[in-house]
C-alpha atoms as a PDB file:
ATOM      1  CA  MET A   1      49.040 -16.304  41.189  1.00  0.00           C
ATOM      2  CA  ASP A   2      50.445 -13.646  43.513  1.00  0.00           C
ATOM      3  CA  GLU A   3      50.895 -11.205  40.618  1.00  0.00           C
ATOM      4  CA  ASN A   4      47.135 -11.407  39.917  1.00  0.00           C
ATOM      5  CA  LEU A   5      46.476 -10.034  43.393  1.00  0.00           C
ATOM      6  CA  HIS A   6      48.288  -6.828  42.483  1.00  0.00           C
ATOM      7  CA  SER A   7      47.313  -6.471  38.826  1.00  0.00           C
ATOM      8  CA  PRO A   8      45.865  -3.187  37.562  1.00  0.00           C
ATOM      9  CA  GLN A   9      42.740  -5.041  36.415  1.00  0.00           C
ATOM     10  CA  ARG A  10      42.114  -6.340  39.926  1.00  0.00           C
ATOM     11  CA  ARG A  11      42.723  -2.883  41.405  1.00  0.00           C
ATOM     12  CA  LEU A  12      40.191  -1.446  38.957  1.00  0.00           C
ATOM     13  CA  ILE A  13      37.591  -3.991  40.060  1.00  0.00           C
ATOM     14  CA  GLU A  14      38.274  -3.207  43.729  1.00  0.00           C
ATOM     15  CA  LEU A  15      37.904   0.535  43.107  1.00  0.00           C
ATOM     16  CA  ARG A  16      34.631   0.022  41.240  1.00  0.00           C
ATOM     17  CA  ILE A  17      33.257  -2.100  44.077  1.00  0.00           C
ATOM     18  CA  GLU A  18      34.252   0.503  46.669  1.00  0.00           C
ATOM     19  CA  HIS A  19      32.700   3.252  44.519  1.00  0.00           C
ATOM     20  CA  ALA A  20      29.433   1.303  44.243  1.00  0.00           C
ATOM     21  CA  ASP A  21      29.426   0.719  48.005  1.00  0.00           C
ATOM     22  CA  LEU A  22      29.893   4.445  48.604  1.00  0.00           C
ATOM     23  CA  ASP A  23      27.062   5.231  46.165  1.00  0.00           C
ATOM     24  CA  GLU A  24      24.745   3.040  48.187  1.00  0.00           C
ATOM     25  CA  LEU A  25      25.943   4.493  51.483  1.00  0.00           C
ATOM     26  CA  ILE A  26      25.502   8.077  50.247  1.00  0.00           C
ATOM     27  CA  ASP A  27      22.004   7.329  48.967  1.00  0.00           C
ATOM     28  CA  ARG A  28      21.060   5.722  52.274  1.00  0.00           C
ATOM     29  CA  ASN A  29      22.789   8.257  54.567  1.00  0.00           C
ATOM     30  CA  PRO A  30      20.134  11.010  54.607  1.00  0.00           C
ATOM     31  CA  LEU A  31      17.545   8.436  55.654  1.00  0.00           C
ATOM     32  CA  ASP A  32      19.690   6.980  58.448  1.00  0.00           C
ATOM     33  CA  HIS A  33      21.377  10.187  59.693  1.00  0.00           C
ATOM     34  CA  PRO A  34      19.581  13.257  58.312  1.00  0.00           C
ATOM     35  CA  ALA A  35      21.690  15.848  60.182  1.00  0.00           C
ATOM     36  CA  ASP A  36      25.153  14.348  59.530  1.00  0.00           C
ATOM     37  CA  ASP A  37      26.343  16.701  56.763  1.00  0.00           C
ATOM     38  CA  LEU A  38      30.056  16.371  57.540  1.00  0.00           C
ATOM     39  CA  THR A  39      30.016  12.597  57.082  1.00  0.00           C
ATOM     40  CA  LEU A  40      28.052  12.938  53.855  1.00  0.00           C
ATOM     41  CA  ARG A  41      30.555  15.480  52.482  1.00  0.00           C
ATOM     42  CA  ARG A  42      33.461  13.179  53.364  1.00  0.00           C
ATOM     43  CA  LEU A  43      31.784  10.229  51.668  1.00  0.00           C
ATOM     44  CA  LYS A  44      31.143  12.272  48.543  1.00  0.00           C
ATOM     45  CA  LYS A  45      34.737  13.504  48.489  1.00  0.00           C
ATOM     46  CA  ARG A  46      36.010   9.922  48.804  1.00  0.00           C
ATOM     47  CA  ARG A  47      33.646   8.859  45.995  1.00  0.00           C
ATOM     48  CA  LEU A  48      35.045  11.584  43.722  1.00  0.00           C
ATOM     49  CA  LEU A  49      38.597  10.500  44.523  1.00  0.00           C
ATOM     50  CA  LEU A  50      37.686   6.917  43.629  1.00  0.00           C
ATOM     51  CA  ARG A  51      36.088   8.083  40.374  1.00  0.00           C
ATOM     52  CA  ASP A  52      39.325   9.868  39.457  1.00  0.00           C
ATOM     53  CA  GLN A  53      41.406   6.789  40.299  1.00  0.00           C
ATOM     54  CA  ILE A  54      39.090   4.576  38.236  1.00  0.00           C
ATOM     55  CA  SER A  55      39.285   6.948  35.282  1.00  0.00           C
ATOM     56  CA  HIS A  56      43.084   7.087  35.504  1.00  0.00           C
ATOM     57  CA  LEU A  57      43.394   3.294  35.665  1.00  0.00           C
ATOM     58  CA  GLU A  58      40.983   2.829  32.763  1.00  0.00           C
ATOM     59  CA  THR A  59      43.086   5.194  30.667  1.00  0.00           C
ATOM     60  CA  GLU A  60      46.254   3.287  31.582  1.00  0.00           C
ATOM     61  CA  LEU A  61      44.722  -0.065  30.722  1.00  0.00           C
ATOM     62  CA  ASP A  62      43.001   1.065  27.522  1.00  0.00           C
ATOM     63  CA  PRO A  63      44.666   4.221  26.204  1.00  0.00           C
ATOM     64  CA  PRO A  64      42.682   6.305  23.702  1.00  0.00           C
ATOM     65  CA  GLU A  65      43.344   5.578  20.060  1.00  0.00           C
ATOM     66  CA  PRO A  66      45.183   8.265  18.094  1.00  0.00           C
ATOM     67  CA  ALA A  67      43.037  10.285  15.722  1.00  0.00           C
END
């Protein structure tokens, strides 16, 4: 059971959840804090990093088929 806690599939799910949470936070941020550009830029940068990690993990788990 402990190996399931650290499986790549579980990590992928966690990254997707965090990415979705950041999406919601970024969409809501201008309404809550309209002048907080620095925070918004940091959130967007983190979201891009997560997107890259998700893409990398997806490629590891399901490599592209040779042509």
